[in-house]
Amino acid sequence: MKVNDYCKAMLAEVSAWKAKLDVMKKTADSYGSAQKERILPLIGQLEQEVTSAQMRVDQLKNECPSEWSPMKNELDDLFGTIGSHVDRNWREISPGDIGG
């Protein structure tokens, strides 16, 4: 895979995570203050991870190094981490899991 193709795919991935985070924020907004206090820091952490991924993809795209597999591995790991955090946090904010 060429670096430019990989970057396009990863930028699409970043956009998908941003959309998921927007849904999580909207869902969290419908909860009471106690639930929001518990959930918003988790969403903030996920936003930081997505922003970090965005910056790394931008760096890879701009620098376009001839040897980019270390950065690819780092990004793949980061997206895996984001995915597991989103899944776990989504379960935490889903209506069935939030107590009154």
C-alpha atoms as a PDB file:
ATOM      1  CA  MET A   1       0.000   0.000   0.000  1.00  0.00           C
ATOM      2  CA  LYS A   2       1.252   3.468  -0.835  1.00  0.00           C
ATOM      3  CA  VAL A   3       1.572   6.043   1.923  1.00  0.00           C
ATOM      4  CA  ASN A   4      -0.938   8.384   0.240  1.00  0.00           C
ATOM      5  CA  ASP A   5      -3.541   5.612   0.006  1.00  0.00           C
ATOM      6  CA  TYR A   6      -2.960   4.715   3.638  1.00  0.00           C
ATOM      7  CA  CYS A   7      -3.330   8.359   4.676  1.00  0.00           C
ATOM      8  CA  LYS A   8      -6.634   8.669   2.812  1.00  0.00           C
ATOM      9  CA  ALA A   9      -7.922   5.551   4.557  1.00  0.00           C
ATOM     10  CA  MET A  10      -6.772   6.788   7.959  1.00  0.00           C
ATOM     11  CA  LEU A  11      -8.310  10.236   7.426  1.00  0.00           C
ATOM     12  CA  ALA A  12     -11.601   8.467   6.705  1.00  0.00           C
ATOM     13  CA  GLU A  13     -11.088   6.511   9.930  1.00  0.00           C
ATOM     14  CA  VAL A  14     -10.514   9.734  11.884  1.00  0.00           C
ATOM     15  CA  SER A  15     -13.716  11.190  10.432  1.00  0.00           C
ATOM     16  CA  ALA A  16     -15.650   8.079  11.448  1.00  0.00           C
ATOM     17  CA  TRP A  17     -14.323   8.305  15.034  1.00  0.00           C
ATOM     18  CA  LYS A  18     -15.235  11.988  15.191  1.00  0.00           C
ATOM     19  CA  ALA A  19     -18.779  11.139  14.109  1.00  0.00           C
ATOM     20  CA  LYS A  20     -19.015   8.435  16.791  1.00  0.00           C
ATOM     21  CA  LEU A  21     -17.769  10.889  19.406  1.00  0.00           C
ATOM     22  CA  ASP A  22     -20.424  13.407  18.329  1.00  0.00           C
ATOM     23  CA  VAL A  23     -23.086  10.754  18.873  1.00  0.00           C
ATOM     24  CA  MET A  24     -21.621   9.959  22.283  1.00  0.00           C
ATOM     25  CA  LYS A  25     -21.660  13.657  23.232  1.00  0.00           C
ATOM     26  CA  LYS A  26     -25.272  14.093  22.126  1.00  0.00           C
ATOM     27  CA  THR A  27     -26.265  11.007  24.057  1.00  0.00           C
ATOM     28  CA  ALA A  28     -24.397  12.234  27.143  1.00  0.00           C
ATOM     29  CA  ASP A  29     -26.147  15.618  26.860  1.00  0.00           C
ATOM     30  CA  SER A  30     -29.466  13.890  27.456  1.00  0.00           C
ATOM     31  CA  TYR A  31     -28.353  12.591  30.862  1.00  0.00           C
ATOM     32  CA  GLY A  32     -28.444  14.292  34.236  1.00  0.00           C
ATOM     33  CA  SER A  33     -25.482  16.142  35.690  1.00  0.00           C
ATOM     34  CA  ALA A  34     -24.213  13.201  37.760  1.00  0.00           C
ATOM     35  CA  GLN A  35     -23.979  10.959  34.711  1.00  0.00           C
ATOM     36  CA  LYS A  36     -22.427  13.748  32.633  1.00  0.00           C
ATOM     37  CA  GLU A  37     -19.741  14.328  35.263  1.00  0.00           C
ATOM     38  CA  ARG A  38     -18.793  10.671  34.989  1.00  0.00           C
ATOM     39  CA  ILE A  39     -18.923  10.445  31.193  1.00  0.00           C
ATOM     40  CA  LEU A  40     -17.560  13.750  29.877  1.00  0.00           C
ATOM     41  CA  PRO A  41     -13.972  13.114  31.056  1.00  0.00           C
ATOM     42  CA  LEU A  42     -14.034   9.795  29.205  1.00  0.00           C
ATOM     43  CA  ILE A  43     -15.274  11.510  26.048  1.00  0.00           C
ATOM     44  CA  GLY A  44     -12.570  14.163  26.477  1.00  0.00           C
ATOM     45  CA  GLN A  45      -9.907  11.458  26.647  1.00  0.00           C
ATOM     46  CA  LEU A  46     -11.246   9.877  23.478  1.00  0.00           C
ATOM     47  CA  GLU A  47     -11.244  13.248  21.753  1.00  0.00           C
ATOM     48  CA  GLN A  48      -7.578  13.670  22.669  1.00  0.00           C
ATOM     49  CA  GLU A  49      -6.750  10.257  21.218  1.00  0.00           C
ATOM     50  CA  VAL A  50      -8.616  11.043  17.993  1.00  0.00           C
ATOM     51  CA  THR A  51      -6.852  14.417  17.756  1.00  0.00           C
ATOM     52  CA  SER A  52      -3.513  12.675  18.277  1.00  0.00           C
ATOM     53  CA  ALA A  53      -4.350  10.225  15.499  1.00  0.00           C
ATOM     54  CA  GLN A  54      -5.346  13.107  13.221  1.00  0.00           C
ATOM     55  CA  MET A  55      -2.031  14.843  13.870  1.00  0.00           C
ATOM     56  CA  ARG A  56      -0.034  11.663  13.191  1.00  0.00           C
ATOM     57  CA  VAL A  57      -1.901  11.030   9.925  1.00  0.00           C
ATOM     58  CA  ASP A  58      -1.332  14.649   8.872  1.00  0.00           C
ATOM     59  CA  GLN A  59       2.361  14.319   9.734  1.00  0.00           C
ATOM     60  CA  LEU A  60       2.660  11.115   7.733  1.00  0.00           C
ATOM     61  CA  LYS A  61       0.855  12.668   4.783  1.00  0.00           C
ATOM     62  CA  ASN A  62       2.984  15.831   4.832  1.00  0.00           C
ATOM     63  CA  GLU A  63       6.346  14.166   5.402  1.00  0.00           C
ATOM     64  CA  CYS A  64       5.652  11.147   3.174  1.00  0.00           C
ATOM     65  CA  PRO A  65       8.767   9.254   4.379  1.00  0.00           C
ATOM     66  CA  SER A  66      10.180   6.425   2.305  1.00  0.00           C
ATOM     67  CA  GLU A  67      10.180   4.169   5.403  1.00  0.00           C
ATOM     68  CA  TRP A  68       6.821   4.695   7.055  1.00  0.00           C
ATOM     69  CA  SER A  69       6.021   1.298   8.536  1.00  0.00           C
ATOM     70  CA  PRO A  70       6.893   2.371  12.134  1.00  0.00           C
ATOM     71  CA  MET A  71       4.405   5.231  11.902  1.00  0.00           C
ATOM     72  CA  LYS A  72       1.835   2.927  10.275  1.00  0.00           C
ATOM     73  CA  ASN A  73       2.225   0.476  13.167  1.00  0.00           C
ATOM     74  CA  GLU A  74       1.844   3.318  15.660  1.00  0.00           C
ATOM     75  CA  LEU A  75      -1.313   4.573  13.951  1.00  0.00           C
ATOM     76  CA  ASP A  76      -2.786   1.088  13.703  1.00  0.00           C
ATOM     77  CA  ASP A  77      -2.193   0.618  17.434  1.00  0.00           C
ATOM     78  CA  LEU A  78      -3.674   4.030  18.206  1.00  0.00           C
ATOM     79  CA  PHE A  79      -6.810   3.325  16.183  1.00  0.00           C
ATOM     80  CA  GLY A  80      -7.155  -0.036  17.934  1.00  0.00           C
ATOM     81  CA  THR A  81      -6.909   1.740  21.294  1.00  0.00           C
ATOM     82  CA  ILE A  82      -9.462   4.335  20.233  1.00  0.00           C
ATOM     83  CA  GLY A  83     -11.798   1.602  19.053  1.00  0.00           C
ATOM     84  CA  SER A  84     -11.659  -0.297  22.318  1.00  0.00           C
ATOM     85  CA  HIS A  85     -12.099   2.925  24.332  1.00  0.00           C
ATOM     86  CA  VAL A  86     -15.084   4.016  22.231  1.00  0.00           C
ATOM     87  CA  ASP A  87     -16.715   0.600  22.573  1.00  0.00           C
ATOM     88  CA  ARG A  88     -16.159   0.485  26.335  1.00  0.00           C
ATOM     89  CA  ASN A  89     -17.266   4.079  26.913  1.00  0.00           C
ATOM     90  CA  TRP A  90     -20.293   3.731  24.659  1.00  0.00           C
ATOM     91  CA  ARG A  91     -21.462   0.833  26.833  1.00  0.00           C
ATOM     92  CA  GLU A  92     -20.999   3.079  29.874  1.00  0.00           C
ATOM     93  CA  ILE A  93     -23.194   5.834  28.485  1.00  0.00           C
ATOM     94  CA  SER A  94     -25.842   3.655  26.891  1.00  0.00           C
ATOM     95  CA  PRO A  95     -29.225   4.246  28.560  1.00  0.00           C
ATOM     96  CA  GLY A  96     -29.552   0.710  29.916  1.00  0.00           C
ATOM     97  CA  ASP A  97     -26.351   1.041  31.903  1.00  0.00           C
ATOM     98  CA  ILE A  98     -26.986   4.424  33.510  1.00  0.00           C
ATOM     99  CA  GLY A  99     -28.714   4.274  36.843  1.00  0.00           C
ATOM    100  CA  GLY A 100     -31.164   6.934  38.063  1.00  0.00           C
END
